[in-house]
Amino acid sequence: MHSSVELTNLRLATDIGTYGPNDVVPLAHILDLTLTIDPGLVLIDTDHMASVFDYDPLIATITNLAADGHYETQERLITRIVSACADEPAVQALEIYLRKSPVVDNSGALGIRLTIDSAELDKHRR
């Protein structure tokens, strides 16, 4: 059995990259995040928040990280988000996809996808 929490198409208020006068400046940075969690946090006997993974604090942390100043690269923001996810004991593994749009001629999206299994995520836990 496998369970996950999926966050899709979250538009982050962030400042990533350095652009010249003729460069296409992205209008949006969009985050998709899939967190693998124990199915016991989904199939519950009682309807109480204490029985589930409360993802709201993690989303607040992610939005704060995104707005936490200028980033040269998407990769640095991804690294900080992975660290925040690793701080959550309920998160067993994750997949993150951060993309910017547009790329050329007011079209396209360009992003970074990273998949981290439980063994690798453990290396990022503090």
PDB file of N, CA and C in Angstrom:
ATOM      1  N   MET A   1       0.850  -1.172   0.000  1.00  0.00           N
ATOM      2  CA  MET A   1       0.000   0.000   0.000  1.00  0.00           C
ATOM      3  C   MET A   1       0.900   1.240   0.000  1.00  0.00           C
ATOM      4  N   HIS A   2       0.469   2.255  -0.689  1.00  0.00           N
ATOM      5  CA  HIS A   2       1.242   3.485  -0.860  1.00  0.00           C
ATOM      6  C   HIS A   2       0.296   4.678  -0.711  1.00  0.00           C
ATOM      7  N   SER A   3       0.744   5.720  -0.046  1.00  0.00           N
ATOM      8  CA  SER A   3      -0.086   6.925   0.040  1.00  0.00           C
ATOM      9  C   SER A   3       0.789   8.162  -0.112  1.00  0.00           C
ATOM     10  N   SER A   4       0.165   9.213  -0.593  1.00  0.00           N
ATOM     11  CA  SER A   4       0.914  10.447  -0.793  1.00  0.00           C
ATOM     12  C   SER A   4       0.011  11.657  -0.611  1.00  0.00           C
ATOM     13  N   VAL A   5       0.654  12.763  -0.339  1.00  0.00           N
ATOM     14  CA  VAL A   5       0.025  14.076  -0.332  1.00  0.00           C
ATOM     15  C   VAL A   5       0.542  14.772  -1.580  1.00  0.00           C
ATOM     16  N   GLU A   6      -0.360  15.302  -2.396  1.00  0.00           N
ATOM     17  CA  GLU A   6       0.049  15.936  -3.648  1.00  0.00           C
ATOM     18  C   GLU A   6      -0.378  17.397  -3.676  1.00  0.00           C
ATOM     19  N   LEU A   7       0.595  18.246  -3.879  1.00  0.00           N
ATOM     20  CA  LEU A   7       0.374  19.678  -4.052  1.00  0.00           C
ATOM     21  C   LEU A   7       0.730  19.998  -5.497  1.00  0.00           C
ATOM     22  N   THR A   8      -0.187  20.587  -6.245  1.00  0.00           N
ATOM     23  CA  THR A   8       0.090  20.865  -7.654  1.00  0.00           C
ATOM     24  C   THR A   8      -0.222  22.318  -7.994  1.00  0.00           C
ATOM     25  N   ASN A   9       0.558  22.819  -8.924  1.00  0.00           N
ATOM     26  CA  ASN A   9       0.333  24.145  -9.516  1.00  0.00           C
ATOM     27  C   ASN A   9       0.297  25.287  -8.503  1.00  0.00           C
ATOM     28  N   LEU A  10       1.153  25.189  -7.478  1.00  0.00           N
ATOM     29  CA  LEU A  10       1.244  26.269  -6.502  1.00  0.00           C
ATOM     30  C   LEU A  10       2.143  27.371  -7.064  1.00  0.00           C
ATOM     31  N   ARG A  11       1.563  28.530  -7.299  1.00  0.00           N
ATOM     32  CA  ARG A  11       2.325  29.683  -7.808  1.00  0.00           C
ATOM     33  C   ARG A  11       3.042  30.319  -6.620  1.00  0.00           C
ATOM     34  N   LEU A  12       4.373  30.324  -6.694  1.00  0.00           N
ATOM     35  CA  LEU A  12       5.172  30.869  -5.604  1.00  0.00           C
ATOM     36  C   LEU A  12       5.510  32.334  -5.858  1.00  0.00           C
ATOM     37  N   ALA A  13       5.399  33.137  -4.834  1.00  0.00           N
ATOM     38  CA  ALA A  13       5.846  34.528  -4.892  1.00  0.00           C
ATOM     39  C   ALA A  13       7.332  34.515  -4.579  1.00  0.00           C
ATOM     40  N   THR A  14       8.155  34.444  -5.617  1.00  0.00           N
ATOM     41  CA  THR A  14       9.590  34.306  -5.431  1.00  0.00           C
ATOM     42  C   THR A  14      10.336  35.130  -6.466  1.00  0.00           C
ATOM     43  N   ASP A  15      11.607  35.351  -6.198  1.00  0.00           N
ATOM     44  CA  ASP A  15      12.484  36.111  -7.086  1.00  0.00           C
ATOM     45  C   ASP A  15      13.673  35.221  -7.419  1.00  0.00           C
ATOM     46  N   ILE A  16      13.649  34.631  -8.611  1.00  0.00           N
ATOM     47  CA  ILE A  16      14.695  33.693  -9.008  1.00  0.00           C
ATOM     48  C   ILE A  16      15.302  34.155 -10.327  1.00  0.00           C
ATOM     49  N   GLY A  17      16.642  34.185 -10.365  1.00  0.00           N
ATOM     50  CA  GLY A  17      17.346  34.465 -11.610  1.00  0.00           C
ATOM     51  C   GLY A  17      17.784  35.910 -11.744  1.00  0.00           C
ATOM     52  N   THR A  18      18.713  36.103 -12.675  1.00  0.00           N
ATOM     53  CA  THR A  18      19.187  37.428 -13.045  1.00  0.00           C
ATOM     54  C   THR A  18      19.052  37.534 -14.550  1.00  0.00           C
ATOM     55  N   TYR A  19      18.408  38.576 -15.014  1.00  0.00           N
ATOM     56  CA  TYR A  19      18.052  38.679 -16.426  1.00  0.00           C
ATOM     57  C   TYR A  19      18.551  39.983 -17.023  1.00  0.00           C
ATOM     58  N   GLY A  20      18.964  39.886 -18.280  1.00  0.00           N
ATOM     59  CA  GLY A  20      19.400  41.057 -19.025  1.00  0.00           C
ATOM     60  C   GLY A  20      18.227  41.734 -19.705  1.00  0.00           C
ATOM     61  N   PRO A  21      18.499  42.847 -20.394  1.00  0.00           N
ATOM     62  CA  PRO A  21      17.418  43.623 -21.011  1.00  0.00           C
ATOM     63  C   PRO A  21      16.653  42.880 -22.106  1.00  0.00           C
ATOM     64  N   ASN A  22      17.271  41.923 -22.778  1.00  0.00           N
ATOM     65  CA  ASN A  22      16.595  41.198 -23.858  1.00  0.00           C
ATOM     66  C   ASN A  22      16.153  39.794 -23.453  1.00  0.00           C
ATOM     67  N   ASP A  23      16.342  39.445 -22.195  1.00  0.00           N
ATOM     68  CA  ASP A  23      15.965  38.113 -21.715  1.00  0.00           C
ATOM     69  C   ASP A  23      14.470  38.039 -21.429  1.00  0.00           C
ATOM     70  N   VAL A  24      13.936  36.834 -21.543  1.00  0.00           N
ATOM     71  CA  VAL A  24      12.548  36.595 -21.149  1.00  0.00           C
ATOM     72  C   VAL A  24      12.530  36.413 -19.630  1.00  0.00           C
ATOM     73  N   VAL A  25      11.804  37.259 -18.959  1.00  0.00           N
ATOM     74  CA  VAL A  25      11.692  37.184 -17.503  1.00  0.00           C
ATOM     75  C   VAL A  25      10.435  36.386 -17.170  1.00  0.00           C
ATOM     76  N   PRO A  26      10.580  35.304 -16.393  1.00  0.00           N
ATOM     77  CA  PRO A  26       9.406  34.494 -16.058  1.00  0.00           C
ATOM     78  C   PRO A  26       8.343  35.304 -15.323  1.00  0.00           C
ATOM     79  N   LEU A  27       7.114  35.000 -15.643  1.00  0.00           N
ATOM     80  CA  LEU A  27       5.982  35.618 -14.954  1.00  0.00           C
ATOM     81  C   LEU A  27       5.565  34.799 -13.741  1.00  0.00           C
ATOM     82  N   ALA A  28       5.972  33.528 -13.719  1.00  0.00           N
ATOM     83  CA  ALA A  28       5.541  32.654 -12.628  1.00  0.00           C
ATOM     84  C   ALA A  28       6.558  31.548 -12.386  1.00  0.00           C
ATOM     85  N   HIS A  29       6.650  31.151 -11.136  1.00  0.00           N
ATOM     86  CA  HIS A  29       7.359  29.935 -10.734  1.00  0.00           C
ATOM     87  C   HIS A  29       6.310  29.049 -10.069  1.00  0.00           C
ATOM     88  N   ILE A  30       6.162  27.852 -10.595  1.00  0.00           N
ATOM     89  CA  ILE A  30       5.095  26.943 -10.181  1.00  0.00           C
ATOM     90  C   ILE A  30       5.712  25.698  -9.544  1.00  0.00           C
ATOM     91  N   LEU A  31       5.141  25.278  -8.419  1.00  0.00           N
ATOM     92  CA  LEU A  31       5.639  24.125  -7.676  1.00  0.00           C
ATOM     93  C   LEU A  31       4.627  22.992  -7.690  1.00  0.00           C
ATOM     94  N   ASP A  32       5.115  21.791  -7.990  1.00  0.00           N
ATOM     95  CA  ASP A  32       4.386  20.545  -7.749  1.00  0.00           C
ATOM     96  C   ASP A  32       5.208  19.766  -6.732  1.00  0.00           C
ATOM     97  N   LEU A  33       4.553  19.199  -5.743  1.00  0.00           N
ATOM     98  CA  LEU A  33       5.244  18.469  -4.688  1.00  0.00           C
ATOM     99  C   LEU A  33       4.406  17.262  -4.299  1.00  0.00           C
ATOM    100  N   THR A  34       5.019  16.082  -4.347  1.00  0.00           N
ATOM    101  CA  THR A  34       4.365  14.853  -3.913  1.00  0.00           C
ATOM    102  C   THR A  34       5.155  14.287  -2.744  1.00  0.00           C
ATOM    103  N   LEU A  35       4.486  14.118  -1.620  1.00  0.00           N
ATOM    104  CA  LEU A  35       5.106  13.603  -0.405  1.00  0.00           C
ATOM    105  C   LEU A  35       4.573  12.210  -0.120  1.00  0.00           C
ATOM    106  N   THR A  36       5.447  11.247  -0.012  1.00  0.00           N
ATOM    107  CA  THR A  36       5.048   9.901   0.387  1.00  0.00           C
ATOM    108  C   THR A  36       4.922   9.878   1.908  1.00  0.00           C
ATOM    109  N   ILE A  37       3.766   9.406   2.376  1.00  0.00           N
ATOM    110  CA  ILE A  37       3.523   9.305   3.815  1.00  0.00           C
ATOM    111  C   ILE A  37       2.979   7.915   4.131  1.00  0.00           C
ATOM    112  N   ASP A  38       2.981   7.573   5.397  1.00  0.00           N
ATOM    113  CA  ASP A  38       2.461   6.283   5.847  1.00  0.00           C
ATOM    114  C   ASP A  38       0.959   6.214   5.573  1.00  0.00           C
ATOM    115  N   PRO A  39       0.481   5.109   4.977  1.00  0.00           N
ATOM    116  CA  PRO A  39      -0.960   4.965   4.751  1.00  0.00           C
ATOM    117  C   PRO A  39      -1.778   5.054   6.039  1.00  0.00           C
ATOM    118  N   GLY A  40      -1.151   4.777   7.176  1.00  0.00           N
ATOM    119  CA  GLY A  40      -1.837   4.907   8.456  1.00  0.00           C
ATOM    120  C   GLY A  40      -2.247   6.339   8.774  1.00  0.00           C
ATOM    121  N   LEU A  41      -1.659   7.293   8.060  1.00  0.00           N
ATOM    122  CA  LEU A  41      -2.043   8.694   8.223  1.00  0.00           C
ATOM    123  C   LEU A  41      -3.165   9.091   7.275  1.00  0.00           C
ATOM    124  N   VAL A  42      -3.611   8.141   6.458  1.00  0.00           N
ATOM    125  CA  VAL A  42      -4.709   8.380   5.517  1.00  0.00           C
ATOM    126  C   VAL A  42      -5.928   7.534   5.886  1.00  0.00           C
ATOM    127  N   LEU A  43      -5.696   6.260   6.135  1.00  0.00           N
ATOM    128  CA  LEU A  43      -6.774   5.348   6.547  1.00  0.00           C
ATOM    129  C   LEU A  43      -6.883   5.420   8.066  1.00  0.00           C
ATOM    130  N   ILE A  44      -7.787   6.266   8.546  1.00  0.00           N
ATOM    131  CA  ILE A  44      -7.853   6.567   9.976  1.00  0.00           C
ATOM    132  C   ILE A  44      -9.173   6.089  10.585  1.00  0.00           C
ATOM    133  N   ASP A  45      -9.111   5.758  11.880  1.00  0.00           N
ATOM    134  CA  ASP A  45     -10.294   5.285  12.601  1.00  0.00           C
ATOM    135  C   ASP A  45     -11.144   6.424  13.143  1.00  0.00           C
ATOM    136  N   THR A  46     -10.504   7.545  13.453  1.00  0.00           N
ATOM    137  CA  THR A  46     -11.227   8.685  14.006  1.00  0.00           C
ATOM    138  C   THR A  46     -10.922   9.933  13.190  1.00  0.00           C
ATOM    139  N   ASP A  47     -11.891  10.807  13.104  1.00  0.00           N
ATOM    140  CA  ASP A  47     -11.771  12.014  12.295  1.00  0.00           C
ATOM    141  C   ASP A  47     -11.168  13.145  13.122  1.00  0.00           C
ATOM    142  N   HIS A  48      -9.840  13.058  13.332  1.00  0.00           N
ATOM    143  CA  HIS A  48      -9.121  14.054  14.123  1.00  0.00           C
ATOM    144  C   HIS A  48      -7.838  14.442  13.404  1.00  0.00           C
ATOM    145  N   MET A  49      -7.495  15.708  13.451  1.00  0.00           N
ATOM    146  CA  MET A  49      -6.257  16.174  12.823  1.00  0.00           C
ATOM    147  C   MET A  49      -5.029  15.479  13.402  1.00  0.00           C
ATOM    148  N   ALA A  50      -5.091  15.072  14.653  1.00  0.00           N
ATOM    149  CA  ALA A  50      -3.960  14.386  15.271  1.00  0.00           C
ATOM    150  C   ALA A  50      -3.694  13.033  14.624  1.00  0.00           C
ATOM    151  N   SER A  51      -4.653  12.528  13.856  1.00  0.00           N
ATOM    152  CA  SER A  51      -4.520  11.218  13.212  1.00  0.00           C
ATOM    153  C   SER A  51      -3.921  11.295  11.812  1.00  0.00           C
ATOM    154  N   VAL A  52      -3.744  12.506  11.290  1.00  0.00           N
ATOM    155  CA  VAL A  52      -3.298  12.667   9.903  1.00  0.00           C
ATOM    156  C   VAL A  52      -2.033  13.529   9.849  1.00  0.00           C
ATOM    157  N   PHE A  53      -1.442  13.609   8.663  1.00  0.00           N
ATOM    158  CA  PHE A  53      -0.316  14.508   8.437  1.00  0.00           C
ATOM    159  C   PHE A  53      -0.872  15.900   8.146  1.00  0.00           C
ATOM    160  N   ASP A  54      -0.564  16.844   9.005  1.00  0.00           N
ATOM    161  CA  ASP A  54      -1.015  18.228   8.819  1.00  0.00           C
ATOM    162  C   ASP A  54      -0.010  18.933   7.911  1.00  0.00           C
ATOM    163  N   TYR A  55      -0.367  19.081   6.658  1.00  0.00           N
ATOM    164  CA  TYR A  55       0.541  19.645   5.659  1.00  0.00           C
ATOM    165  C   TYR A  55       0.522  21.170   5.628  1.00  0.00           C
ATOM    166  N   ASP A  56      -0.444  21.802   6.276  1.00  0.00           N
ATOM    167  CA  ASP A  56      -0.535  23.263   6.228  1.00  0.00           C
ATOM    168  C   ASP A  56       0.722  23.975   6.750  1.00  0.00           C
ATOM    169  N   PRO A  57       1.318  23.549   7.871  1.00  0.00           N
ATOM    170  CA  PRO A  57       2.547  24.220   8.315  1.00  0.00           C
ATOM    171  C   PRO A  57       3.695  24.081   7.308  1.00  0.00           C
ATOM    172  N   LEU A  58       3.791  22.940   6.644  1.00  0.00           N
ATOM    173  CA  LEU A  58       4.841  22.757   5.644  1.00  0.00           C
ATOM    174  C   LEU A  58       4.618  23.685   4.456  1.00  0.00           C
ATOM    175  N   ILE A  59       3.384  23.825   4.014  1.00  0.00           N
ATOM    176  CA  ILE A  59       3.090  24.739   2.904  1.00  0.00           C
ATOM    177  C   ILE A  59       3.428  26.174   3.301  1.00  0.00           C
ATOM    178  N   ALA A  60       3.128  26.549   4.525  1.00  0.00           N
ATOM    179  CA  ALA A  60       3.486  27.892   5.001  1.00  0.00           C
ATOM    180  C   ALA A  60       5.003  28.082   4.992  1.00  0.00           C
ATOM    181  N   THR A  61       5.738  27.064   5.418  1.00  0.00           N
ATOM    182  CA  THR A  61       7.201  27.138   5.399  1.00  0.00           C
ATOM    183  C   THR A  61       7.714  27.295   3.978  1.00  0.00           C
ATOM    184  N   ILE A  62       7.159  26.526   3.051  1.00  0.00           N
ATOM    185  CA  ILE A  62       7.587  26.601   1.650  1.00  0.00           C
ATOM    186  C   ILE A  62       7.324  27.990   1.072  1.00  0.00           C
ATOM    187  N   THR A  63       6.162  28.537   1.325  1.00  0.00           N
ATOM    188  CA  THR A  63       5.867  29.873   0.787  1.00  0.00           C
ATOM    189  C   THR A  63       6.773  30.932   1.422  1.00  0.00           C
ATOM    190  N   ASN A  64       7.112  30.758   2.690  1.00  0.00           N
ATOM    191  CA  ASN A  64       8.055  31.679   3.338  1.00  0.00           C
ATOM    192  C   ASN A  64       9.454  31.546   2.756  1.00  0.00           C
ATOM    193  N   LEU A  65       9.897  30.319   2.504  1.00  0.00           N
ATOM    194  CA  LEU A  65      11.207  30.111   1.884  1.00  0.00           C
ATOM    195  C   LEU A  65      11.262  30.754   0.504  1.00  0.00           C
ATOM    196  N   ALA A  66      10.198  30.597  -0.258  1.00  0.00           N
ATOM    197  CA  ALA A  66      10.160  31.149  -1.615  1.00  0.00           C
ATOM    198  C   ALA A  66      10.288  32.667  -1.593  1.00  0.00           C
ATOM    199  N   ALA A  67       9.705  33.296  -0.588  1.00  0.00           N
ATOM    200  CA  ALA A  67       9.700  34.758  -0.504  1.00  0.00           C
ATOM    201  C   ALA A  67      10.884  35.312   0.289  1.00  0.00           C
ATOM    202  N   ASP A  68      11.799  34.446   0.669  1.00  0.00           N
ATOM    203  CA  ASP A  68      12.897  34.788   1.581  1.00  0.00           C
ATOM    204  C   ASP A  68      14.095  35.416   0.855  1.00  0.00           C
ATOM    205  N   GLY A  69      13.854  36.338  -0.060  1.00  0.00           N
ATOM    206  CA  GLY A  69      14.956  37.008  -0.742  1.00  0.00           C
ATOM    207  C   GLY A  69      15.194  36.475  -2.141  1.00  0.00           C
ATOM    208  N   HIS A  70      16.272  36.945  -2.743  1.00  0.00           N
ATOM    209  CA  HIS A  70      16.598  36.604  -4.128  1.00  0.00           C
ATOM    210  C   HIS A  70      17.344  35.272  -4.209  1.00  0.00           C
ATOM    211  N   TYR A  71      16.976  34.473  -5.193  1.00  0.00           N
ATOM    212  CA  TYR A  71      17.682  33.231  -5.514  1.00  0.00           C
ATOM    213  C   TYR A  71      18.284  33.374  -6.906  1.00  0.00           C
ATOM    214  N   GLU A  72      19.513  32.951  -7.076  1.00  0.00           N
ATOM    215  CA  GLU A  72      20.107  32.894  -8.411  1.00  0.00           C
ATOM    216  C   GLU A  72      19.527  31.736  -9.209  1.00  0.00           C
ATOM    217  N   THR A  73      19.222  30.622  -8.508  1.00  0.00           N
ATOM    218  CA  THR A  73      18.816  29.396  -9.201  1.00  0.00           C
ATOM    219  C   THR A  73      17.574  28.771  -8.576  1.00  0.00           C
ATOM    220  N   GLN A  74      16.832  28.056  -9.412  1.00  0.00           N
ATOM    221  CA  GLN A  74      15.716  27.249  -8.921  1.00  0.00           C
ATOM    222  C   GLN A  74      16.236  26.137  -8.009  1.00  0.00           C
ATOM    223  N   GLU A  75      17.427  25.641  -8.324  1.00  0.00           N
ATOM    224  CA  GLU A  75      17.996  24.528  -7.568  1.00  0.00           C
ATOM    225  C   GLU A  75      18.181  24.875  -6.092  1.00  0.00           C
ATOM    226  N   ARG A  76      18.566  26.119  -5.800  1.00  0.00           N
ATOM    227  CA  ARG A  76      18.766  26.497  -4.391  1.00  0.00           C
ATOM    228  C   ARG A  76      17.445  26.498  -3.632  1.00  0.00           C
ATOM    229  N   LEU A  77      16.410  27.013  -4.261  1.00  0.00           N
ATOM    230  CA  LEU A  77      15.095  26.976  -3.607  1.00  0.00           C
ATOM    231  C   LEU A  77      14.635  25.536  -3.424  1.00  0.00           C
ATOM    232  N   ILE A  78      14.842  24.694  -4.422  1.00  0.00           N
ATOM    233  CA  ILE A  78      14.488  23.273  -4.293  1.00  0.00           C
ATOM    234  C   ILE A  78      15.219  22.652  -3.107  1.00  0.00           C
ATOM    235  N   THR A  79      16.506  22.945  -2.967  1.00  0.00           N
ATOM    236  CA  THR A  79      17.294  22.394  -1.862  1.00  0.00           C
ATOM    237  C   THR A  79      16.702  22.794  -0.516  1.00  0.00           C
ATOM    238  N   ARG A  80      16.303  24.037  -0.398  1.00  0.00           N
ATOM    239  CA  ARG A  80      15.721  24.508   0.861  1.00  0.00           C
ATOM    240  C   ARG A  80      14.356  23.867   1.121  1.00  0.00           C
ATOM    241  N   ILE A  81      13.572  23.654   0.073  1.00  0.00           N
ATOM    242  CA  ILE A  81      12.274  22.992   0.236  1.00  0.00           C
ATOM    243  C   ILE A  81      12.472  21.538   0.649  1.00  0.00           C
ATOM    244  N   VAL A  82      13.440  20.859   0.045  1.00  0.00           N
ATOM    245  CA  VAL A  82      13.732  19.471   0.426  1.00  0.00           C
ATOM    246  C   VAL A  82      14.121  19.404   1.903  1.00  0.00           C
ATOM    247  N   SER A  83      14.931  20.333   2.360  1.00  0.00           N
ATOM    248  CA  SER A  83      15.316  20.353   3.777  1.00  0.00           C
ATOM    249  C   SER A  83      14.103  20.544   4.678  1.00  0.00           C
ATOM    250  N   ALA A  84      13.187  21.409   4.269  1.00  0.00           N
ATOM    251  CA  ALA A  84      11.963  21.615   5.055  1.00  0.00           C
ATOM    252  C   ALA A  84      11.126  20.341   5.093  1.00  0.00           C
ATOM    253  N   CYS A  85      11.038  19.647   3.977  1.00  0.00           N
ATOM    254  CA  CYS A  85      10.289  18.379   3.935  1.00  0.00           C
ATOM    255  C   CYS A  85      10.965  17.325   4.803  1.00  0.00           C
ATOM    256  N   ALA A  86      12.298  17.303   4.784  1.00  0.00           N
ATOM    257  CA  ALA A  86      13.043  16.333   5.589  1.00  0.00           C
ATOM    258  C   ALA A  86      12.835  16.571   7.081  1.00  0.00           C
ATOM    259  N   ASP A  87      12.525  17.801   7.455  1.00  0.00           N
ATOM    260  CA  ASP A  87      12.260  18.115   8.863  1.00  0.00           C
ATOM    261  C   ASP A  87      10.925  17.561   9.347  1.00  0.00           C
ATOM    262  N   GLU A  88      10.100  17.089   8.424  1.00  0.00           N
ATOM    263  CA  GLU A  88       8.798  16.514   8.770  1.00  0.00           C
ATOM    264  C   GLU A  88       8.940  14.993   8.904  1.00  0.00           C
ATOM    265  N   PRO A  89       8.872  14.446  10.111  1.00  0.00           N
ATOM    266  CA  PRO A  89       9.056  13.007  10.298  1.00  0.00           C
ATOM    267  C   PRO A  89       8.077  12.154   9.493  1.00  0.00           C
ATOM    268  N   ALA A  90       6.891  12.662   9.217  1.00  0.00           N
ATOM    269  CA  ALA A  90       5.883  11.884   8.484  1.00  0.00           C
ATOM    270  C   ALA A  90       6.231  11.712   7.010  1.00  0.00           C
ATOM    271  N   VAL A  91       7.097  12.563   6.479  1.00  0.00           N
ATOM    272  CA  VAL A  91       7.457  12.487   5.059  1.00  0.00           C
ATOM    273  C   VAL A  91       8.513  11.404   4.879  1.00  0.00           C
ATOM    274  N   GLN A  92       8.174  10.398   4.072  1.00  0.00           N
ATOM    275  CA  GLN A  92       9.061   9.259   3.852  1.00  0.00           C
ATOM    276  C   GLN A  92       9.890   9.393   2.580  1.00  0.00           C
ATOM    277  N   ALA A  93       9.370  10.073   1.592  1.00  0.00           N
ATOM    278  CA  ALA A  93      10.037  10.278   0.306  1.00  0.00           C
ATOM    279  C   ALA A  93       9.315  11.428  -0.376  1.00  0.00           C
ATOM    280  N   LEU A  94       9.894  11.930  -1.475  1.00  0.00           N
ATOM    281  CA  LEU A  94       9.227  13.035  -2.150  1.00  0.00           C
ATOM    282  C   LEU A  94       9.652  13.151  -3.601  1.00  0.00           C
ATOM    283  N   GLU A  95       8.801  13.835  -4.347  1.00  0.00           N
ATOM    284  CA  GLU A  95       9.138  14.283  -5.695  1.00  0.00           C
ATOM    285  C   GLU A  95       8.759  15.752  -5.773  1.00  0.00           C
ATOM    286  N   ILE A  96       9.689  16.555  -6.261  1.00  0.00           N
ATOM    287  CA  ILE A  96       9.464  17.992  -6.380  1.00  0.00           C
ATOM    288  C   ILE A  96       9.721  18.405  -7.820  1.00  0.00           C
ATOM    289  N   TYR A  97       8.886  19.305  -8.314  1.00  0.00           N
ATOM    290  CA  TYR A  97       9.028  19.841  -9.666  1.00  0.00           C
ATOM    291  C   TYR A  97       8.761  21.337  -9.591  1.00  0.00           C
ATOM    292  N   LEU A  98       9.803  22.122  -9.830  1.00  0.00           N
ATOM    293  CA  LEU A  98       9.695  23.576  -9.827  1.00  0.00           C
ATOM    294  C   LEU A  98       9.980  24.071 -11.232  1.00  0.00           C
ATOM    295  N   ARG A  99       9.057  24.864 -11.771  1.00  0.00           N
ATOM    296  CA  ARG A  99       9.221  25.329 -13.144  1.00  0.00           C
ATOM    297  C   ARG A  99       8.894  26.810 -13.251  1.00  0.00           C
ATOM    298  N   LYS A 100       9.477  27.413 -14.293  1.00  0.00           N
ATOM    299  CA  LYS A 100       9.213  28.820 -14.574  1.00  0.00           C
ATOM    300  C   LYS A 100       8.578  28.936 -15.950  1.00  0.00           C
ATOM    301  N   SER A 101       7.801  30.004 -16.105  1.00  0.00           N
ATOM    302  CA  SER A 101       7.117  30.220 -17.371  1.00  0.00           C
ATOM    303  C   SER A 101       6.841  31.708 -17.517  1.00  0.00           C
ATOM    304  N   PRO A 102       6.899  32.240 -18.723  1.00  0.00           N
ATOM    305  CA  PRO A 102       7.246  31.607 -19.993  1.00  0.00           C
ATOM    306  C   PRO A 102       8.758  31.500 -20.167  1.00  0.00           C
ATOM    307  N   VAL A 103       9.145  30.783 -21.230  1.00  0.00           N
ATOM    308  CA  VAL A 103      10.555  30.573 -21.536  1.00  0.00           C
ATOM    309  C   VAL A 103      10.950  31.352 -22.795  1.00  0.00           C
ATOM    310  N   VAL A 104      10.176  31.200 -23.863  1.00  0.00           N
ATOM    311  CA  VAL A 104      10.453  31.874 -25.137  1.00  0.00           C
ATOM    312  C   VAL A 104       9.126  32.284 -25.765  1.00  0.00           C
ATOM    313  N   ASP A 105       9.096  33.473 -26.333  1.00  0.00           N
ATOM    314  CA  ASP A 105       7.911  33.943 -27.062  1.00  0.00           C
ATOM    315  C   ASP A 105       6.618  33.762 -26.272  1.00  0.00           C
ATOM    316  N   ASN A 106       6.680  34.099 -24.997  1.00  0.00           N
ATOM    317  CA  ASN A 106       5.503  34.009 -24.128  1.00  0.00           C
ATOM    318  C   ASN A 106       4.907  32.605 -24.060  1.00  0.00           C
ATOM    319  N   SER A 107       5.780  31.588 -24.183  1.00  0.00           N
ATOM    320  CA  SER A 107       5.297  30.208 -24.134  1.00  0.00           C
ATOM    321  C   SER A 107       6.321  29.320 -23.436  1.00  0.00           C
ATOM    322  N   GLY A 108       5.882  28.131 -23.101  1.00  0.00           N
ATOM    323  CA  GLY A 108       6.757  27.118 -22.540  1.00  0.00           C
ATOM    324  C   GLY A 108       6.967  27.248 -21.045  1.00  0.00           C
ATOM    325  N   ALA A 109       7.392  26.142 -20.482  1.00  0.00           N
ATOM    326  CA  ALA A 109       7.777  26.080 -19.074  1.00  0.00           C
ATOM    327  C   ALA A 109       9.075  25.294 -18.994  1.00  0.00           C
ATOM    328  N   LEU A 110       9.943  25.696 -18.095  1.00  0.00           N
ATOM    329  CA  LEU A 110      11.233  25.045 -17.925  1.00  0.00           C
ATOM    330  C   LEU A 110      11.425  24.805 -16.443  1.00  0.00           C
ATOM    331  N   GLY A 111      11.751  23.561 -16.084  1.00  0.00           N
ATOM    332  CA  GLY A 111      11.843  23.280 -14.664  1.00  0.00           C
ATOM    333  C   GLY A 111      12.812  22.190 -14.302  1.00  0.00           C
ATOM    334  N   ILE A 112      12.902  21.977 -13.021  1.00  0.00           N
ATOM    335  CA  ILE A 112      13.762  20.975 -12.414  1.00  0.00           C
ATOM    336  C   ILE A 112      12.870  20.010 -11.647  1.00  0.00           C
ATOM    337  N   ARG A 113      13.081  18.707 -11.895  1.00  0.00           N
ATOM    338  CA  ARG A 113      12.357  17.670 -11.156  1.00  0.00           C
ATOM    339  C   ARG A 113      13.385  16.855 -10.371  1.00  0.00           C
ATOM    340  N   LEU A 114      13.066  16.579  -9.120  1.00  0.00           N
ATOM    341  CA  LEU A 114      13.940  15.797  -8.259  1.00  0.00           C
ATOM    342  C   LEU A 114      13.090  14.788  -7.502  1.00  0.00           C
ATOM    343  N   THR A 115      13.523  13.536  -7.521  1.00  0.00           N
ATOM    344  CA  THR A 115      12.859  12.474  -6.770  1.00  0.00           C
ATOM    345  C   THR A 115      13.828  11.985  -5.704  1.00  0.00           C
ATOM    346  N   ILE A 116      13.364  11.938  -4.466  1.00  0.00           N
ATOM    347  CA  ILE A 116      14.207  11.519  -3.348  1.00  0.00           C
ATOM    348  C   ILE A 116      13.529  10.374  -2.615  1.00  0.00           C
ATOM    349  N   ASP A 117      14.228   9.237  -2.524  1.00  0.00           N
ATOM    350  CA  ASP A 117      13.684   8.089  -1.798  1.00  0.00           C
ATOM    351  C   ASP A 117      13.958   8.254  -0.302  1.00  0.00           C
ATOM    352  N   SER A 118      13.474   7.311   0.480  1.00  0.00           N
ATOM    353  CA  SER A 118      13.564   7.445   1.939  1.00  0.00           C
ATOM    354  C   SER A 118      15.010   7.455   2.433  1.00  0.00           C
ATOM    355  N   ALA A 119      15.874   6.634   1.836  1.00  0.00           N
ATOM    356  CA  ALA A 119      17.272   6.593   2.278  1.00  0.00           C
ATOM    357  C   ALA A 119      17.960   7.932   2.020  1.00  0.00           C
ATOM    358  N   GLU A 120      17.717   8.508   0.867  1.00  0.00           N
ATOM    359  CA  GLU A 120      18.319   9.804   0.548  1.00  0.00           C
ATOM    360  C   GLU A 120      17.715  10.916   1.402  1.00  0.00           C
ATOM    361  N   LEU A 121      16.416  10.853   1.641  1.00  0.00           N
ATOM    362  CA  LEU A 121      15.773  11.877   2.464  1.00  0.00           C
ATOM    363  C   LEU A 121      16.327  11.857   3.888  1.00  0.00           C
ATOM    364  N   ASP A 122      16.622  10.662   4.394  1.00  0.00           N
ATOM    365  CA  ASP A 122      17.198  10.549   5.737  1.00  0.00           C
ATOM    366  C   ASP A 122      18.520  11.314   5.851  1.00  0.00           C
ATOM    367  N   LYS A 123      19.279  11.398   4.761  1.00  0.00           N
ATOM    368  CA  LYS A 123      20.549  12.133   4.770  1.00  0.00           C
ATOM    369  C   LYS A 123      20.332  13.635   4.938  1.00  0.00           C
ATOM    370  N   HIS A 124      19.136  14.105   4.610  1.00  0.00           N
ATOM    371  CA  HIS A 124      18.833  15.531   4.703  1.00  0.00           C
ATOM    372  C   HIS A 124      18.143  15.902   6.015  1.00  0.00           C
ATOM    373  N   ARG A 125      17.839  14.909   6.837  1.00  0.00           N
ATOM    374  CA  ARG A 125      17.167  15.194   8.111  1.00  0.00           C
ATOM    375  C   ARG A 125      18.171  15.778   9.099  1.00  0.00           C
ATOM    376  N   ARG A 126      17.701  16.736   9.886  1.00  0.00           N
ATOM    377  CA  ARG A 126      18.585  17.383  10.880  1.00  0.00           C
ATOM    378  C   ARG A 126      18.363  16.802  12.242  1.00  0.00           C
TER     379      ARG A 126
END
